[in-house]
Structure formats: structure tokens, C-alpha cells
Amino acid sequence: MTMSVNRRALWLVEAVLAHAQERRVVLHLIEGGGRYVDCGIEARGGLLAGLELARVCLGDLAAVSIVPGELAGRPVPLVQVVTDHPVQACLASQYAGWAIGEGKFFAMGSGPMRAVRGKEPVYDAIGFREREAAVVGVLETRKAPPPSVLAMIARECGVEQAAVSLLAAPTASLAGGVQVVARAAETALHKLHELGFPMDRILSAFGTAPLPPVARDDLAAIGRTNDAVLYGGRVILQVTGDDASLEEIGPKVPSSSSRDFGEPFAAIFARYKHDFYAVDPLLFSPAEVVFQNVETGRTHAFGKVEADVLARSFWS
């Protein structure tokens, strides 16, 4: 029996709202039904709101925390994610696979609502979808979602508009930055899925990535948060099966396997005129990926952290 990521996330949303003042978030009820929680658009939000955003994205199937780290001799917080349900948490829920466009509004949509909509090809591959009466999603956006967006999400998910709960924050915010950087493990799983690795071999996942300073605007923040994963993300996967296949696929997984690897993402993005789809898709993965085979006891490590690129991105 599978655990419903939407039901788990909805419980978490209620817990967040019970501590809205502490989390510095604001609830907005939408005309026509539904609601959204402002975690960094007009509300101040914060690190704890960011941790809650990340947990919602993961369908509350992962532990998310901020732990001490270091970069070039300076203290840097690391966003850490641990899950024993990596495929369901990361691919079925967290992956930002729904580009939400309605009129002049656009946002990247992630979280459990995707599993109810179920239109992305990944759901056929992993064999997971949900049927729920209420859905929860996270939007990476600078603008508050209008009623038409909630109505569209409700139609796509086959639920009443009143049953839609959204949490929103821009990339250039404390909460938004945390939820984006919490995707190191997710990018590793997505890369492995694209490479044809059997997802049922992945038992557990541990991922960390450094949390950059909040940037001056969302475009700069996109650069820093991507760099955090591409050049600073470290992921350990506990897997089953043979070691030969791990040695074969391993070098293809880290971001260093991409032709675009090596300079801050802001520069790469600018070179492609800010078109995500023009960037080499092989770039979007962690800097370092480690496979620990629980059946053979062997460990296979690929890639490495690029501290110099991170320092240029975060502090220049």
C-alpha cells in the first residue's frame, strides 16, 4: 500500500498554518475557492518556512534540515535531505515537472499535486499516480497566483477549486532558496531515470547542497541555487544489484558529465539567452554522486565538489 503524498502534505500545510506567525507566512483565501500560503512574495518567510516548503515538495516523505558546512574557509549552511522513499518523494512529488502558465502568470510547479494530475511521462515509468479529493502544490514564483491558476490546477487534477492548497515563494527569498537547494537528491534520481537506471534499485537517498546568500533578484538567485547543486551537491544512494552496472553508469551521473559544466550557471544561462531548454540537460545533476551497494558492500563514487566555482557564484 502506497502512502499518499497529497494527504501527508496537507497535514503538513495545516501544521505550518498553525504556526504561521512563527514561520512568517501569510494565508490567502482565493475567490472561487482554494488558498495559497505566501512564504516569501509579500510575506517575509524564512529558513524554517523554507524547510517546510521542501518537506511539502517531498510529500512529507523525507527529513529536511539545515546543518553546518564550510566553503573556502567560511561557514556555509547545508540543506540536507534524507529519505527512505526516494522515488516517490523525489520523482513523484518534488520534481518541478509542471510548468504552470495561465494568462500572464507563470510558475514552476512542484509537489504532490503533480501525482494526481499524472500527465508527465515519468509517472508511467515509475508506476505511481494518486487519486485524491484534495491536492497540494508548491510554486516558484514572484507573483501571487490568481483565481484562474487555482481553477486551472483544479481542472487538471480533477478536484474542486476549494480543494487546492498552494505554497509560493520566489527564488530570491530565504524560503524559496531553501526549497530549491533541497533538490540535490532529486536531481540525481532524475538523471538516473533519464539514463535508464532501474528506479526500484534505489532504496534510500541522502543529499546535501550549500545554501547561498539570497541574491538581489530572481535571475541572480536562479544562478546561485543551481550552482549550489551543480557544483556543491553531494548525494549518497543506497542501492541493490550488481556493481558492474554502477561502474558503467556512474561517470554519466554527476554534472561534470555535461559539456556546459565548469562556469557559474548565470554565465551559462546568459549564453543561452535565458532559455532553460537550450542548456545541456546532462548538466542538471549533483556535483558528486556515491552509490553504496547494500548487497555487495561496495561503494562507487563519481564527481567532486567545485569550491572555486561556488565561491565565485556566491560571493562575487
Protein backbone atom coordinates (compact mmCIF):
# COMPACT_ATOMS: atom_id res chain seq x y z
CA MET A 1 0.00 0.00 0.00
CA THR A 2 1.43 3.36 -1.00
CA MET A 3 1.46 6.43 1.22
CA SER A 4 -0.44 9.41 -0.16
CA VAL A 5 1.92 12.32 -0.70
CA ASN A 6 -1.03 14.72 -1.01
CA ARG A 7 -2.63 13.67 2.26
CA ARG A 8 0.70 13.82 4.08
CA ALA A 9 1.47 17.23 2.60
CA LEU A 10 -1.97 18.54 3.53
CA TRP A 11 -1.39 17.60 7.17
CA LEU A 12 1.91 19.45 6.98
CA VAL A 13 0.27 22.55 5.50
CA GLU A 14 -2.17 22.63 8.42
CA ALA A 15 0.75 22.37 10.83
CA VAL A 16 2.51 25.26 9.08
CA LEU A 17 -0.62 27.40 9.27
CA ALA A 18 -0.92 26.64 12.98
CA HIS A 19 2.47 28.35 13.34
CA ALA A 20 2.04 30.96 10.59
CA GLN A 21 3.26 33.88 12.69
CA GLU A 22 6.32 31.95 13.84
CA ARG A 23 7.09 30.90 10.26
CA ARG A 24 6.41 34.46 8.97
CA VAL A 25 3.98 33.19 6.32
CA VAL A 26 0.53 34.50 5.40
CA LEU A 27 -2.56 32.57 4.31
CA HIS A 28 -4.66 33.96 1.44
CA LEU A 29 -8.12 32.61 0.63
CA ILE A 30 -8.86 32.77 -3.10
CA GLU A 31 -12.05 33.98 -4.71
CA GLY A 32 -13.92 30.98 -6.06
CA GLY A 33 -12.23 28.60 -3.64
CA GLY A 34 -8.80 27.34 -2.70
CA ARG A 35 -5.94 29.02 -0.90
CA TYR A 36 -2.30 29.87 -1.11
CA VAL A 37 0.31 30.42 1.58
CA ASP A 38 2.71 33.27 0.88
CA CYS A 39 6.14 32.14 2.07
CA GLY A 40 8.24 34.93 0.54
CA ILE A 41 6.38 37.06 -2.02
CA GLU A 42 4.98 39.76 0.27
CA ALA A 43 5.46 37.80 3.49
CA ARG A 44 8.98 37.70 4.93
CA GLY A 45 9.19 33.92 5.26
CA GLY A 46 12.47 32.46 6.47
CA LEU A 47 14.67 29.41 6.80
CA LEU A 48 12.08 27.41 8.73
CA ALA A 49 9.40 28.22 6.16
CA GLY A 50 11.86 27.01 3.51
CA LEU A 51 12.31 23.70 5.32
CA GLU A 52 8.53 23.30 5.42
CA LEU A 53 8.30 24.14 1.70
CA ALA A 54 10.87 21.44 0.94
CA ARG A 55 9.03 18.89 3.07
CA VAL A 56 5.76 19.68 1.29
CA CYS A 57 7.51 19.29 -2.08
CA LEU A 58 8.71 15.87 -0.93
CA GLY A 59 5.23 14.80 0.16
CA ASP A 60 6.49 14.73 3.76
CA LEU A 61 8.40 11.55 2.93
CA ALA A 62 11.81 12.98 3.82
CA ALA A 63 13.58 14.62 6.74
CA VAL A 64 14.87 18.06 5.74
CA SER A 65 17.29 20.06 7.88
CA ILE A 66 19.95 22.75 7.80
CA VAL A 67 23.36 21.60 9.04
CA PRO A 68 26.78 23.29 9.37
CA GLY A 69 29.11 23.36 6.38
CA GLU A 70 32.16 25.20 5.10
CA LEU A 71 33.22 26.71 1.79
CA ALA A 72 36.62 28.29 1.15
CA GLY A 73 37.18 28.70 4.86
CA ARG A 74 33.80 30.37 5.50
CA PRO A 75 30.84 28.86 7.33
CA VAL A 76 28.04 27.92 4.93
CA PRO A 77 24.78 26.20 5.88
CA LEU A 78 23.98 22.98 4.05
CA VAL A 79 20.44 21.88 3.23
CA GLN A 80 20.22 18.16 3.98
CA VAL A 81 17.57 15.72 2.77
CA VAL A 82 17.20 12.11 3.92
CA THR A 83 14.55 9.74 2.59
CA ASP A 84 13.77 6.03 2.57
CA HIS A 85 11.20 6.58 -0.20
CA PRO A 86 13.34 8.39 -2.79
CA VAL A 87 11.38 7.62 -5.96
CA GLN A 88 8.00 8.55 -4.50
CA ALA A 89 9.35 11.60 -2.64
CA CYS A 90 11.68 12.98 -5.29
CA LEU A 91 10.25 11.98 -8.68
CA ALA A 92 6.54 11.53 -7.97
CA SER A 93 6.35 14.65 -5.79
CA GLN A 94 9.33 17.03 -5.55
CA TYR A 95 10.44 17.30 -9.18
CA ALA A 96 9.42 20.63 -10.73
CA GLY A 97 7.84 18.99 -13.75
CA TRP A 98 4.75 21.17 -14.19
CA ALA A 99 5.27 24.50 -15.97
CA ILE A 100 2.16 26.38 -14.91
CA GLY A 101 1.10 29.08 -17.34
CA GLU A 102 -2.27 30.81 -17.22
CA GLY A 103 -2.68 34.19 -18.91
CA LYS A 104 0.25 36.34 -17.88
CA PHE A 105 1.04 34.16 -14.87
CA PHE A 106 3.89 31.63 -14.96
CA ALA A 107 5.44 29.49 -12.26
CA MET A 108 7.33 26.25 -11.94
CA GLY A 109 5.04 23.82 -10.16
CA SER A 110 6.21 21.00 -7.94
CA GLY A 111 4.91 18.89 -5.11
CA PRO A 112 2.24 16.21 -4.62
CA MET A 113 -0.40 17.74 -6.91
CA ARG A 114 1.67 16.51 -9.86
CA ALA A 115 0.96 12.90 -8.86
CA VAL A 116 -2.80 13.48 -9.12
CA ARG A 117 -2.52 15.27 -12.46
CA GLY A 118 -0.26 12.42 -13.58
CA LYS A 119 0.38 13.66 -17.13
CA GLU A 120 4.18 13.66 -17.08
CA PRO A 121 5.81 10.58 -18.70
CA VAL A 122 7.78 9.87 -15.52
CA TYR A 123 4.61 8.52 -13.88
CA ASP A 124 4.32 5.75 -16.44
CA ALA A 125 7.96 4.84 -15.83
CA ILE A 126 7.73 4.68 -12.04
CA GLY A 127 4.21 3.25 -11.91
CA PHE A 128 2.84 5.74 -9.44
CA ARG A 129 -0.16 8.09 -9.52
CA GLU A 130 -2.68 9.23 -6.95
CA ARG A 131 -6.41 9.81 -6.84
CA GLU A 132 -7.21 12.29 -4.09
CA ALA A 133 -10.01 14.76 -3.39
CA ALA A 134 -7.58 17.48 -2.30
CA VAL A 135 -4.18 18.47 -3.73
CA VAL A 136 -1.15 20.41 -2.51
CA GLY A 137 1.50 22.12 -4.62
CA VAL A 138 4.46 24.48 -4.40
CA LEU A 139 5.03 27.34 -6.83
CA GLU A 140 8.38 29.02 -7.50
CA THR A 141 7.13 32.49 -8.42
CA ARG A 142 7.36 36.19 -7.65
CA LYS A 143 3.63 36.75 -8.25
CA ALA A 144 0.65 35.69 -6.18
CA PRO A 145 -1.40 33.03 -8.03
CA PRO A 146 -4.74 34.46 -9.25
CA PRO A 147 -8.05 32.56 -9.06
CA SER A 148 -7.66 31.42 -12.68
CA VAL A 149 -4.49 29.50 -11.76
CA LEU A 150 -6.20 27.62 -8.93
CA ALA A 151 -9.14 26.91 -11.25
CA MET A 152 -6.79 25.50 -13.90
CA ILE A 153 -4.95 23.33 -11.35
CA ALA A 154 -8.29 22.03 -10.08
CA ARG A 155 -9.38 21.10 -13.62
CA GLU A 156 -6.09 19.39 -14.40
CA CYS A 157 -6.24 17.40 -11.16
CA GLY A 158 -9.95 16.63 -11.30
CA VAL A 159 -10.76 18.22 -7.93
CA GLU A 160 -12.85 21.14 -6.71
CA GLN A 161 -11.09 24.51 -6.66
CA ALA A 162 -11.77 24.69 -2.92
CA ALA A 163 -9.60 21.58 -2.53
CA VAL A 164 -6.43 23.23 -3.91
CA SER A 165 -3.73 24.38 -1.46
CA LEU A 166 -0.64 26.12 -2.80
CA LEU A 167 2.52 27.42 -1.14
CA ALA A 168 4.53 30.03 -3.02
CA ALA A 169 7.89 31.75 -2.75
CA PRO A 170 10.29 33.39 -5.24
CA THR A 171 13.79 32.05 -5.80
CA ALA A 172 15.33 35.22 -4.35
CA SER A 173 13.94 34.68 -0.86
CA LEU A 174 15.05 32.77 2.21
CA ALA A 175 12.30 30.17 1.95
CA GLY A 176 12.47 29.89 -1.83
CA GLY A 177 16.22 29.39 -1.76
CA VAL A 178 16.00 26.57 0.77
CA GLN A 179 13.34 24.64 -1.17
CA VAL A 180 15.32 24.87 -4.43
CA VAL A 181 18.63 23.84 -2.85
CA ALA A 182 16.88 20.86 -1.20
CA ARG A 183 16.84 19.16 -4.63
CA ALA A 184 20.28 17.56 -4.78
CA ALA A 185 18.95 14.01 -4.33
CA GLU A 186 16.04 14.70 -6.67
CA THR A 187 18.37 15.79 -9.48
CA ALA A 188 20.42 12.61 -9.04
CA LEU A 189 17.31 10.43 -9.30
CA HIS A 190 16.00 12.33 -12.30
CA LYS A 191 19.35 11.99 -14.07
CA LEU A 192 19.42 8.25 -13.35
CA HIS A 193 15.86 7.92 -14.63
CA GLU A 194 16.82 9.70 -17.87
CA LEU A 195 19.81 7.36 -18.22
CA GLY A 196 17.56 4.31 -17.90
CA PHE A 197 18.67 3.14 -14.46
CA PRO A 198 16.02 0.94 -12.78
CA MET A 199 14.41 3.07 -10.10
CA ASP A 200 13.45 0.05 -8.00
CA ARG A 201 17.15 -0.50 -7.23
CA ILE A 202 17.30 2.74 -5.21
CA LEU A 203 16.40 2.09 -1.57
CA SER A 204 17.34 5.33 0.21
CA ALA A 205 18.90 8.69 -0.53
CA PHE A 206 20.94 11.28 1.35
CA GLY A 207 21.71 14.64 -0.21
CA THR A 208 23.29 17.94 0.78
CA ALA A 209 23.94 21.23 -1.01
CA PRO A 210 25.20 24.60 0.28
CA LEU A 211 22.64 27.33 0.83
CA PRO A 212 23.79 30.50 -0.98
CA PRO A 213 23.14 34.05 0.20
CA VAL A 214 19.84 35.46 -1.04
CA ALA A 215 20.54 37.14 -4.39
CA ARG A 216 19.49 40.66 -5.42
CA ASP A 217 16.85 39.36 -7.85
CA ASP A 218 15.32 36.11 -9.05
CA LEU A 219 17.56 35.78 -12.12
CA ALA A 220 20.69 36.01 -9.98
CA ALA A 221 19.11 33.64 -7.47
CA ILE A 222 18.47 31.06 -10.20
CA GLY A 223 22.19 31.14 -10.90
CA ARG A 224 23.24 30.71 -7.28
CA THR A 225 20.75 28.00 -6.38
CA ASN A 226 21.59 25.98 -9.47
CA ASP A 227 25.29 26.30 -8.69
CA ALA A 228 24.64 25.05 -5.17
CA VAL A 229 23.51 21.71 -6.62
CA LEU A 230 25.60 21.54 -9.81
CA TYR A 231 28.91 22.37 -8.10
CA GLY A 232 28.17 21.70 -4.42
CA GLY A 233 25.54 18.97 -4.30
CA ARG A 234 26.63 15.68 -2.75
CA VAL A 235 24.34 12.65 -2.90
CA ILE A 236 24.68 9.16 -1.44
CA LEU A 237 22.32 6.49 -2.74
CA GLN A 238 21.84 3.10 -1.11
CA VAL A 239 21.17 0.66 -3.95
CA THR A 240 20.81 -3.04 -4.78
CA GLY A 241 22.01 -5.15 -7.70
CA ASP A 242 25.31 -5.66 -9.45
CA ASP A 243 28.38 -3.44 -9.20
CA ALA A 244 29.33 -3.55 -12.89
CA SER A 245 26.28 -1.51 -13.89
CA LEU A 246 27.09 1.09 -11.23
CA GLU A 247 30.62 1.47 -12.55
CA GLU A 248 29.26 1.84 -16.08
CA ILE A 249 26.58 4.43 -15.37
CA GLY A 250 28.36 6.30 -12.57
CA PRO A 251 30.55 8.64 -14.67
CA LYS A 252 27.44 9.82 -16.57
CA VAL A 253 25.56 10.96 -13.46
CA PRO A 254 27.43 13.98 -11.97
CA SER A 255 27.08 17.41 -13.55
CA SER A 256 30.70 17.15 -14.75
CA SER A 257 29.44 14.80 -17.50
CA SER A 258 27.91 17.83 -19.27
CA ARG A 259 29.56 19.91 -21.99
CA ASP A 260 28.28 23.03 -20.17
CA PHE A 261 29.97 22.17 -16.88
CA GLY A 262 32.65 24.45 -15.46
CA GLU A 263 31.38 28.01 -15.08
CA PRO A 264 28.69 29.60 -12.89
CA PHE A 265 25.18 28.85 -14.08
CA ALA A 266 24.39 32.55 -14.51
CA ALA A 267 27.02 32.73 -17.27
CA ILE A 268 25.77 29.52 -18.89
CA PHE A 269 22.18 30.73 -18.71
CA ALA A 270 23.07 34.09 -20.26
CA ARG A 271 24.93 32.36 -23.10
CA TYR A 272 21.71 30.53 -23.98
CA LYS A 273 19.67 33.77 -23.67
CA HIS A 274 17.97 32.51 -20.51
CA ASP A 275 16.39 29.52 -22.23
CA PHE A 276 16.47 26.54 -19.83
CA TYR A 277 15.65 24.14 -22.64
CA ALA A 278 18.76 25.18 -24.57
CA VAL A 279 21.08 24.24 -21.69
CA ASP A 280 22.54 20.73 -21.92
CA PRO A 281 20.12 18.59 -19.86
CA LEU A 282 23.05 16.48 -18.65
CA LEU A 283 24.16 19.47 -16.55
CA PHE A 284 21.25 19.26 -14.11
CA SER A 285 22.60 16.84 -11.53
CA PRO A 286 24.72 16.95 -8.36
CA ALA A 287 28.45 17.57 -8.30
CA GLU A 288 29.14 14.27 -6.57
CA VAL A 289 27.19 11.01 -6.53
CA VAL A 290 28.06 7.97 -4.40
CA PHE A 291 26.45 4.55 -4.75
CA GLN A 292 26.56 2.26 -1.73
CA ASN A 293 25.60 -1.27 -2.72
CA VAL A 294 23.82 -2.83 0.27
CA GLU A 295 24.12 -6.33 -1.25
CA THR A 296 27.83 -6.42 -2.10
CA GLY A 297 29.13 -3.90 0.43
CA ARG A 298 30.99 -1.95 -2.26
CA THR A 299 30.98 1.83 -2.68
CA HIS A 300 31.33 3.68 -6.01
CA ALA A 301 31.98 7.45 -6.05
CA PHE A 302 31.84 9.81 -9.03
CA GLY A 303 32.40 13.56 -9.46
CA LYS A 304 33.56 16.13 -6.92
CA VAL A 305 32.62 19.48 -5.39
CA GLU A 306 33.95 22.55 -7.22
CA ALA A 307 34.57 25.03 -4.40
CA ASP A 308 36.13 27.68 -6.65
CA VAL A 309 33.04 27.92 -8.87
CA LEU A 310 30.79 28.07 -5.81
CA ALA A 311 32.83 30.86 -4.24
CA ARG A 312 32.63 32.92 -7.45
CA SER A 313 28.89 32.36 -7.65
CA PHE A 314 28.05 33.04 -4.01
CA TRP A 315 30.35 35.95 -3.19
CA SER A 316 31.45 37.78 -6.33
